[in-house]
C-alpha atoms as a PDB file:
ATOM      1  CA  MET A   1      94.432  84.137 119.672  1.00  0.00           C
ATOM      2  CA  HIS A   2      97.439  85.384 117.756  1.00  0.00           C
ATOM      3  CA  PHE A   3      98.043  87.478 114.669  1.00  0.00           C
ATOM      4  CA  VAL A   4      99.723  87.007 111.312  1.00  0.00           C
ATOM      5  CA  PHE A   5     100.647  89.610 108.732  1.00  0.00           C
ATOM      6  CA  GLN A   6     100.312  89.266 104.961  1.00  0.00           C
ATOM      7  CA  PRO A   7     102.364  91.583 102.716  1.00  0.00           C
ATOM      8  CA  LEU A   8     100.692  94.191 100.518  1.00  0.00           C
ATOM      9  CA  ILE A   9     102.470  94.782  97.210  1.00  0.00           C
ATOM     10  CA  ASP A  10     102.609  98.002  95.205  1.00  0.00           C
ATOM     11  CA  VAL A  11     102.488  96.501  91.705  1.00  0.00           C
ATOM     12  CA  ASP A  12     103.919  99.521  89.893  1.00  0.00           C
ATOM     13  CA  GLN A  13     106.735 100.214  92.370  1.00  0.00           C
ATOM     14  CA  TRP A  14     107.220  96.464  92.956  1.00  0.00           C
ATOM     15  CA  THR A  15     107.649  96.922  96.667  1.00  0.00           C
ATOM     16  CA  VAL A  16     106.093  95.792  99.949  1.00  0.00           C
ATOM     17  CA  PHE A  17     104.369  98.869 101.332  1.00  0.00           C
ATOM     18  CA  GLY A  18     102.336  97.336 104.122  1.00  0.00           C
ATOM     19  CA  PHE A  19     100.604  94.356 105.686  1.00  0.00           C
ATOM     20  CA  GLU A  20      97.120  93.140 106.457  1.00  0.00           C
ATOM     21  CA  ALA A  21      96.733  91.868 110.015  1.00  0.00           C
ATOM     22  CA  LEU A  22      94.819  88.589 110.214  1.00  0.00           C
ATOM     23  CA  THR A  23      93.525  86.803 113.309  1.00  0.00           C
ATOM     24  CA  ARG A  24      94.240  83.170 114.094  1.00  0.00           C
ATOM     25  CA  PHE A  25      92.620  81.345 117.005  1.00  0.00           C
ATOM     26  CA  ASP A  26      94.624  78.919 119.107  1.00  0.00           C
ATOM     27  CA  ASP A  27      91.861  76.275 118.990  1.00  0.00           C
ATOM     28  CA  GLU A  28      92.495  76.112 115.202  1.00  0.00           C
ATOM     29  CA  VAL A  29      88.827  76.769 114.469  1.00  0.00           C
ATOM     30  CA  SER A  30      88.394  79.000 111.410  1.00  0.00           C
ATOM     31  CA  PRO A  31      88.330  82.744 112.173  1.00  0.00           C
ATOM     32  CA  ASP A  32      85.165  82.961 110.058  1.00  0.00           C
ATOM     33  CA  VAL A  33      83.443  80.572 112.473  1.00  0.00           C
ATOM     34  CA  HIS A  34      84.555  82.547 115.518  1.00  0.00           C
ATOM     35  CA  PHE A  35      83.400  85.865 114.061  1.00  0.00           C
ATOM     36  CA  ARG A  36      80.142  84.383 112.772  1.00  0.00           C
ATOM     37  CA  ASN A  37      79.372  82.925 116.200  1.00  0.00           C
ATOM     38  CA  ALA A  38      80.201  86.270 117.822  1.00  0.00           C
ATOM     39  CA  TYR A  39      77.784  88.003 115.450  1.00  0.00           C
ATOM     40  CA  THR A  40      75.018  85.500 116.250  1.00  0.00           C
ATOM     41  CA  GLU A  41      75.610  85.988 119.975  1.00  0.00           C
ATOM     42  CA  ASN A  42      75.603  89.802 119.631  1.00  0.00           C
ATOM     43  CA  ARG A  43      79.223  90.166 120.764  1.00  0.00           C
ATOM     44  CA  LEU A  44      80.942  90.858 117.448  1.00  0.00           C
ATOM     45  CA  THR A  45      82.017  94.382 118.379  1.00  0.00           C
ATOM     46  CA  GLU A  46      83.434  93.113 121.681  1.00  0.00           C
ATOM     47  CA  LEU A  47      85.489  90.437 119.886  1.00  0.00           C
ATOM     48  CA  GLU A  48      86.665  92.791 117.154  1.00  0.00           C
ATOM     49  CA  LEU A  49      87.824  95.355 119.696  1.00  0.00           C
ATOM     50  CA  GLN A  50      89.801  92.627 121.499  1.00  0.00           C
ATOM     51  CA  VAL A  51      91.365  91.682 118.163  1.00  0.00           C
ATOM     52  CA  ILE A  52      92.253  95.288 117.356  1.00  0.00           C
ATOM     53  CA  ASP A  53      93.882  95.705 120.760  1.00  0.00           C
ATOM     54  CA  GLY A  54      95.967  92.590 120.096  1.00  0.00           C
ATOM     55  CA  ILE A  55      96.974  93.829 116.652  1.00  0.00           C
ATOM     56  CA  ILE A  56      98.042  97.177 118.104  1.00  0.00           C
ATOM     57  CA  GLN A  57     100.263  95.374 120.603  1.00  0.00           C
ATOM     58  CA  ALA A  58     101.766  93.130 117.901  1.00  0.00           C
ATOM     59  CA  SER A  59     102.387  96.093 115.581  1.00  0.00           C
ATOM     60  CA  VAL A  60     105.380  97.255 117.634  1.00  0.00           C
ATOM     61  CA  HIS A  61     107.437  94.564 115.890  1.00  0.00           C
ATOM     62  CA  LEU A  62     106.741  95.854 112.357  1.00  0.00           C
ATOM     63  CA  PRO A  63     109.063  98.206 110.444  1.00  0.00           C
ATOM     64  CA  SER A  64     108.326 101.923 110.616  1.00  0.00           C
ATOM     65  CA  GLY A  65     106.559 103.605 107.728  1.00  0.00           C
ATOM     66  CA  MET A  66     104.408 100.626 106.775  1.00  0.00           C
ATOM     67  CA  LEU A  67     100.654 100.598 106.176  1.00  0.00           C
ATOM     68  CA  LEU A  68      98.875  98.165 108.504  1.00  0.00           C
ATOM     69  CA  THR A  69      95.267  97.299 107.754  1.00  0.00           C
ATOM     70  CA  LEU A  70      92.760  95.467 109.920  1.00  0.00           C
ATOM     71  CA  ASN A  71      89.203  94.279 109.441  1.00  0.00           C
ATOM     72  CA  ALA A  72      86.256  95.804 111.274  1.00  0.00           C
ATOM     73  CA  SER A  73      82.488  95.906 111.009  1.00  0.00           C
ATOM     74  CA  GLY A  74      80.599  99.198 110.835  1.00  0.00           C
ATOM     75  CA  PRO A  75      79.596  99.133 114.531  1.00  0.00           C
ATOM     76  CA  THR A  76      83.187  98.402 115.567  1.00  0.00           C
ATOM     77  CA  ILE A  77      84.470 101.363 113.565  1.00  0.00           C
ATOM     78  CA  GLU A  78      81.902 103.521 115.378  1.00  0.00           C
ATOM     79  CA  ALA A  79      83.051 102.082 118.719  1.00  0.00           C
ATOM     80  CA  LEU A  80      86.659 102.890 117.808  1.00  0.00           C
ATOM     81  CA  GLY A  81      85.625 106.459 117.128  1.00  0.00           C
ATOM     82  CA  ALA A  82      84.214 106.755 120.643  1.00  0.00           C
ATOM     83  CA  ALA A  83      87.099 104.954 122.370  1.00  0.00           C
ATOM     84  CA  THR A  84      90.533 106.131 123.423  1.00  0.00           C
ATOM     85  CA  VAL A  85      92.740 104.030 121.186  1.00  0.00           C
ATOM     86  CA  GLU A  86      96.455 104.632 120.806  1.00  0.00           C
ATOM     87  CA  MET A  87      97.708 103.260 117.508  1.00  0.00           C
ATOM     88  CA  ASP A  88     101.427 103.031 116.830  1.00  0.00           C
ATOM     89  CA  ALA A  89     102.333 106.381 115.249  1.00  0.00           C
ATOM     90  CA  ARG A  90     105.237 104.794 113.364  1.00  0.00           C
ATOM     91  CA  LEU A  91     102.698 103.152 111.051  1.00  0.00           C
ATOM     92  CA  THR A  92      99.898 104.243 108.754  1.00  0.00           C
ATOM     93  CA  TRP A  93      96.686 102.477 109.755  1.00  0.00           C
ATOM     94  CA  GLY A  94      93.834 101.310 107.566  1.00  0.00           C
ATOM     95  CA  LEU A  95      90.356 100.133 108.563  1.00  0.00           C
ATOM     96  CA  GLU A  96      88.906  97.512 106.217  1.00  0.00           C
ATOM     97  CA  LEU A  97      85.110  97.804 106.328  1.00  0.00           C
ATOM     98  CA  ASN A  98      83.619  94.313 106.408  1.00  0.00           C
ATOM     99  CA  GLU A  99      81.582  93.435 103.322  1.00  0.00           C
ATOM    100  CA  LEU A 100      78.688  92.053 105.408  1.00  0.00           C
ATOM    101  CA  SER A 101      78.152  95.217 107.436  1.00  0.00           C
ATOM    102  CA  GLU A 102      74.737  96.608 106.567  1.00  0.00           C
ATOM    103  CA  PRO A 103      74.748 100.052 104.921  1.00  0.00           C
ATOM    104  CA  CYS A 104      72.745 101.638 107.743  1.00  0.00           C
ATOM    105  CA  LEU A 105      75.594 100.727 110.141  1.00  0.00           C
ATOM    106  CA  CYS A 106      78.355 102.136 107.958  1.00  0.00           C
ATOM    107  CA  ASN A 107      77.371 105.677 107.038  1.00  0.00           C
ATOM    108  CA  GLN A 108      79.814 107.225 109.524  1.00  0.00           C
ATOM    109  CA  ALA A 109      82.768 104.996 108.598  1.00  0.00           C
ATOM    110  CA  ARG A 110      84.397 107.582 106.347  1.00  0.00           C
ATOM    111  CA  ASN A 111      84.241 110.387 108.902  1.00  0.00           C
ATOM    112  CA  ILE A 112      85.357 108.154 111.768  1.00  0.00           C
ATOM    113  CA  ALA A 113      88.326 106.797 109.828  1.00  0.00           C
ATOM    114  CA  THR A 114      89.366 110.350 109.016  1.00  0.00           C
ATOM    115  CA  SER A 115      89.000 111.431 112.646  1.00  0.00           C
ATOM    116  CA  LEU A 116      91.246 108.527 113.707  1.00  0.00           C
ATOM    117  CA  ASN A 117      93.792 109.464 111.037  1.00  0.00           C
ATOM    118  CA  CYS A 118      93.218 106.085 109.386  1.00  0.00           C
ATOM    119  CA  LEU A 119      92.694 105.113 105.777  1.00  0.00           C
ATOM    120  CA  LEU A 120      89.313 103.590 104.931  1.00  0.00           C
ATOM    121  CA  LEU A 121      89.265 100.452 102.795  1.00  0.00           C
ATOM    122  CA  ILE A 122      86.265  98.679 101.298  1.00  0.00           C
ATOM    123  CA  ASP A 123      86.975  94.990 101.895  1.00  0.00           C
ATOM    124  CA  ASP A 124      85.972  92.147  99.546  1.00  0.00           C
ATOM    125  CA  ALA A 125      84.411  94.392  96.906  1.00  0.00           C
ATOM    126  CA  GLY A 126      82.007  92.401  94.766  1.00  0.00           C
ATOM    127  CA  ILE A 127      80.641  90.443  97.761  1.00  0.00           C
ATOM    128  CA  GLY A 128      77.762  91.272 100.100  1.00  0.00           C
ATOM    129  CA  TYR A 129      77.213  94.988 100.611  1.00  0.00           C
ATOM    130  CA  ALA A 130      80.668  95.875  99.238  1.00  0.00           C
ATOM    131  CA  ASN A 131      79.283  97.114  95.950  1.00  0.00           C
ATOM    132  CA  ARG A 132      79.526 100.100  93.645  1.00  0.00           C
ATOM    133  CA  SER A 133      77.049 102.099  95.756  1.00  0.00           C
ATOM    134  CA  ARG A 134      79.177 101.655  98.891  1.00  0.00           C
ATOM    135  CA  ILE A 135      82.249 102.893  97.043  1.00  0.00           C
ATOM    136  CA  LEU A 136      80.481 105.953  95.688  1.00  0.00           C
ATOM    137  CA  GLU A 137      78.869 106.767  99.050  1.00  0.00           C
ATOM    138  CA  LEU A 138      81.896 106.331 101.341  1.00  0.00           C
ATOM    139  CA  GLU A 139      84.677 107.417  98.974  1.00  0.00           C
ATOM    140  CA  PRO A 140      87.269 105.052 100.470  1.00  0.00           C
ATOM    141  CA  ASP A 141      91.015 105.371 100.126  1.00  0.00           C
ATOM    142  CA  VAL A 142      91.373 101.812  98.817  1.00  0.00           C
ATOM    143  CA  VAL A 143      88.946  99.337  97.245  1.00  0.00           C
ATOM    144  CA  LYS A 144      89.934  95.688  97.762  1.00  0.00           C
ATOM    145  CA  LEU A 145      88.531  93.307  95.163  1.00  0.00           C
ATOM    146  CA  ASP A 146      87.435  89.968  96.593  1.00  0.00           C
ATOM    147  CA  ARG A 147      89.599  87.044  95.476  1.00  0.00           C
ATOM    148  CA  SER A 148      86.670  85.566  93.530  1.00  0.00           C
ATOM    149  CA  MET A 149      86.712  88.599  91.259  1.00  0.00           C
ATOM    150  CA  ILE A 150      90.175  87.603  90.036  1.00  0.00           C
ATOM    151  CA  SER A 151      89.785  83.814  89.998  1.00  0.00           C
ATOM    152  CA  SER A 152      86.504  83.997  88.021  1.00  0.00           C
ATOM    153  CA  TYR A 153      87.324  86.968  85.799  1.00  0.00           C
ATOM    154  CA  ALA A 154      88.417  85.059  82.687  1.00  0.00           C
ATOM    155  CA  GLU A 155      85.518  82.605  82.642  1.00  0.00           C
ATOM    156  CA  SER A 156      82.586  84.798  83.671  1.00  0.00           C
ATOM    157  CA  ALA A 157      81.210  87.704  81.658  1.00  0.00           C
ATOM    158  CA  GLU A 158      79.106  88.652  84.678  1.00  0.00           C
ATOM    159  CA  VAL A 159      82.189  88.911  86.888  1.00  0.00           C
ATOM    160  CA  ARG A 160      84.042  90.929  84.256  1.00  0.00           C
ATOM    161  CA  LYS A 161      81.145  93.379  84.107  1.00  0.00           C
ATOM    162  CA  LEU A 162      81.074  93.630  87.912  1.00  0.00           C
ATOM    163  CA  VAL A 163      84.831  94.171  88.147  1.00  0.00           C
ATOM    164  CA  ASP A 164      84.716  96.880  85.506  1.00  0.00           C
ATOM    165  CA  SER A 165      81.934  98.614  87.464  1.00  0.00           C
ATOM    166  CA  LEU A 166      83.838  98.407  90.764  1.00  0.00           C
ATOM    167  CA  LEU A 167      87.079  99.675  89.230  1.00  0.00           C
ATOM    168  CA  SER A 168      85.198 102.510  87.537  1.00  0.00           C
ATOM    169  CA  ALA A 169      83.636 103.558  90.864  1.00  0.00           C
ATOM    170  CA  ALA A 170      87.011 103.414  92.604  1.00  0.00           C
ATOM    171  CA  ARG A 171      88.644 105.609  90.004  1.00  0.00           C
ATOM    172  CA  GLU A 172      85.679 107.982  89.985  1.00  0.00           C
ATOM    173  CA  THR A 173      86.164 108.587  93.717  1.00  0.00           C
ATOM    174  CA  GLY A 174      89.972 108.706  93.546  1.00  0.00           C
ATOM    175  CA  ALA A 175      90.455 105.432  95.431  1.00  0.00           C
ATOM    176  CA  LYS A 176      93.369 103.086  94.871  1.00  0.00           C
ATOM    177  CA  THR A 177      92.556  99.469  94.024  1.00  0.00           C
ATOM    178  CA  LEU A 178      93.889  96.229  95.479  1.00  0.00           C
ATOM    179  CA  ALA A 179      93.354  92.654  94.288  1.00  0.00           C
ATOM    180  CA  GLU A 180      93.173  89.973  96.976  1.00  0.00           C
ATOM    181  CA  GLY A 181      93.976  86.298  96.718  1.00  0.00           C
ATOM    182  CA  LEU A 182      96.555  86.214  93.931  1.00  0.00           C
ATOM    183  CA  GLU A 183      97.862  82.678  93.530  1.00  0.00           C
ATOM    184  CA  THR A 184      99.608  82.553  90.139  1.00  0.00           C
ATOM    185  CA  ALA A 185     101.721  84.572  87.740  1.00  0.00           C
ATOM    186  CA  GLU A 186      98.665  84.644  85.474  1.00  0.00           C
ATOM    187  CA  ASP A 187      96.696  86.386  88.239  1.00  0.00           C
ATOM    188  CA  LEU A 188      99.429  89.008  88.429  1.00  0.00           C
ATOM    189  CA  GLU A 189      99.374  89.473  84.665  1.00  0.00           C
ATOM    190  CA  LEU A 190      95.604  89.996  84.819  1.00  0.00           C
ATOM    191  CA  ILE A 191      95.703  92.692  87.475  1.00  0.00           C
ATOM    192  CA  ARG A 192      98.445  94.475  85.597  1.00  0.00           C
ATOM    193  CA  HIS A 193      96.223  94.379  82.518  1.00  0.00           C
ATOM    194  CA  LEU A 194      93.396  95.861  84.624  1.00  0.00           C
ATOM    195  CA  ALA A 195      95.752  98.567  85.980  1.00  0.00           C
ATOM    196  CA  ILE A 196      95.045  97.564  89.590  1.00  0.00           C
ATOM    197  CA  ASP A 197      97.404  99.364  91.956  1.00  0.00           C
ATOM    198  CA  TYR A 198      98.083  96.866  94.715  1.00  0.00           C
ATOM    199  CA  ALA A 199      97.997  93.108  95.327  1.00  0.00           C
ATOM    200  CA  GLN A 200      98.231  90.444  98.005  1.00  0.00           C
ATOM    201  CA  GLY A 201      97.939  86.686  98.086  1.00  0.00           C
ATOM    202  CA  PHE A 202      99.754  83.383  98.408  1.00  0.00           C
ATOM    203  CA  TYR A 203     101.624  84.085  95.163  1.00  0.00           C
ATOM    204  CA  PHE A 204     103.633  86.533  97.243  1.00  0.00           C
ATOM    205  CA  ALA A 205     103.331  85.178 100.793  1.00  0.00           C
ATOM    206  CA  ALA A 206     100.835  83.819 103.282  1.00  0.00           C
ATOM    207  CA  GLY A 207     100.196  85.509 106.594  1.00  0.00           C
ATOM    208  CA  ASN A 208     103.039  85.003 109.063  1.00  0.00           C
ATOM    209  CA  ARG A 209     103.889  85.948 112.633  1.00  0.00           C
ATOM    210  CA  THR A 210     106.158  88.961 113.003  1.00  0.00           C
ATOM    211  CA  GLU A 211     109.178  86.865 113.985  1.00  0.00           C
ATOM    212  CA  GLN A 212     108.914  84.984 110.680  1.00  0.00           C
ATOM    213  CA  LEU A 213     108.528  88.042 108.459  1.00  0.00           C
ATOM    214  CA  PRO A 214     112.239  88.843 107.891  1.00  0.00           C
ATOM    215  CA  MET A 215     112.817  85.350 106.451  1.00  0.00           C
ATOM    216  CA  ILE A 216     109.567  85.426 104.440  1.00  0.00           C
ATOM    217  CA  LEU A 217     110.325  88.840 102.951  1.00  0.00           C
ATOM    218  CA  ASP A 218     113.900  87.865 102.151  1.00  0.00           C
ATOM    219  CA  ASP A 219     112.523  84.900 100.199  1.00  0.00           C
ATOM    220  CA  LEU A 220     110.041  87.213  98.451  1.00  0.00           C
ATOM    221  CA  HIS A 221     112.888  89.490  97.388  1.00  0.00           C
ATOM    222  CA  ARG A 222     115.046  86.621  96.127  1.00  0.00           C
ATOM    223  CA  ARG A 223     112.166  84.862  94.345  1.00  0.00           C
ATOM    224  CA  LEU A 224     110.440  87.813  92.676  1.00  0.00           C
ATOM    225  CA  GLY A 225     112.807  90.760  93.062  1.00  0.00           C
ATOM    226  CA  ILE A 226     110.322  92.724  95.143  1.00  0.00           C
ATOM    227  CA  ASN A 227     111.751  95.495  97.315  1.00  0.00           C
ATOM    228  CA  VAL A 228     111.118  94.688 100.972  1.00  0.00           C
ATOM    229  CA  PRO A 229     111.477  96.672 104.229  1.00  0.00           C
ATOM    230  CA  SER A 230     114.228  96.066 106.764  1.00  0.00           C
ATOM    231  CA  PHE A 231     113.400  94.886 110.262  1.00  0.00           C
END
């Protein structure tokens, strides 16, 4: 396996402030398939811990001062809390709680993230268990709206109602908000209208290996005028 990094954009400051680490498997089978099979075979935590170890090793090539987020299920976050894990102190780390993790397996996620000096993010809000109740219960640092919340917002009154509820819960708990999966300038205009704090998606850049990031970020700066970190 190897890892790619997708930029996170502060919409107000118009700057790259971090990256999400994403896993790619060398057999070219979808990561979703690999993680789903691991869950079925009761080895999801084992696989996720291997992934996290790989991300930690790859993180040494990222610029200092960045936020780096990674995905984890509730049980994996608990396992991290019990393990001796050395994360690169040059970076701020964020744990993205998987939307399919059952609530009974996630009730310690907030305390564990705090004990690890990590931010807690609710991933794919609007999907699975990543709902208003999870936001209010765990009081995350960042709520990430699933890409379907943005792509379906204009055409679906039900989605608009759900998004409004999720954003309200985030602001009630003091969490920042991030929209995933932006693909067009119209998507960006929408999240600005909704006063969403952060964004990521192919409109800015896909996930890339660390050696490709300087070129990708230079293009992002030239194309959209976004402030980018130096490597």
